[in-house]
Amino acid sequence: MTITVECKTRPEGSKPKALRREGLIPAALYGHKGAESVSLTMPAKEAQMLLRKAAVNNTLVDLNISDISWSGKALIREVQAHPWKRTLYHLSFFCVPEGQTTNLVVPLEITGESVGIKEGGILEQNITELNISCTPKNIPQSIEINISSFGIGTNLSVGDLVLPEGVTVLDDSEQTVFSIVAPAKMATETSAEEEETIVQTEADA
């Protein structure tokens, strides 16, 4: 799905409060022509709609700045908003030229029903997002993990993940993504059985 964002350059000397009274949100584009940044405005309603579809550091958008005839790919890098009213204050975009790698965050999506969970095991997920690096054309919406074949006692690390082509993970490869553990009752029963076996073995000896 392509998301198009229409912006205009921000009038010099304009105040954020005055812009918001006009129904506009201050914004900025970084990485435009290298280190140059551009101050922008966009309609507040469009900004709110954008954030319902796009995620920070994840969704690539087509950004158009009509009054300077510029368009290109960009990521939403930062959203400033009121902590509980959720009123938008400012959006920051980062230009991503075609073919250039960028760092971003993608969600982990667990699919399937684990055989271990069917047997009463519990899924303990330690991370829900992954830090990756890739070019715009290779940005995945998510990293899918099918857990259907995983039983009780399974521990999956970042280094075990199967990544899409062109995607490099930035997180520690030893970091645990999730574990499928036995419930407390099952673990207690297993421990008791093991102790009984040890005692019986010692008695037989």
Foldseek 3Di string as FASTA:
>chain_A
DAAEFEKEFDPPPDDLVVQVVVQKAWEKEACVVHGDMTIIIGGQVVVVVVCVPADAQADWHWYAHPVVGDIAIWGWHDWDADPPVRRTHYTYIYGAHAPDKDKGKAFEAEDEDAPQVVVVWDKDFDDGMFIKIFHPVQRDNHQYDYRHDPHAFDWAFLLNGDGDPGIGTDDDRRHTGIHTHHPPVVVVVVVVVVVVVVVVVVVVD
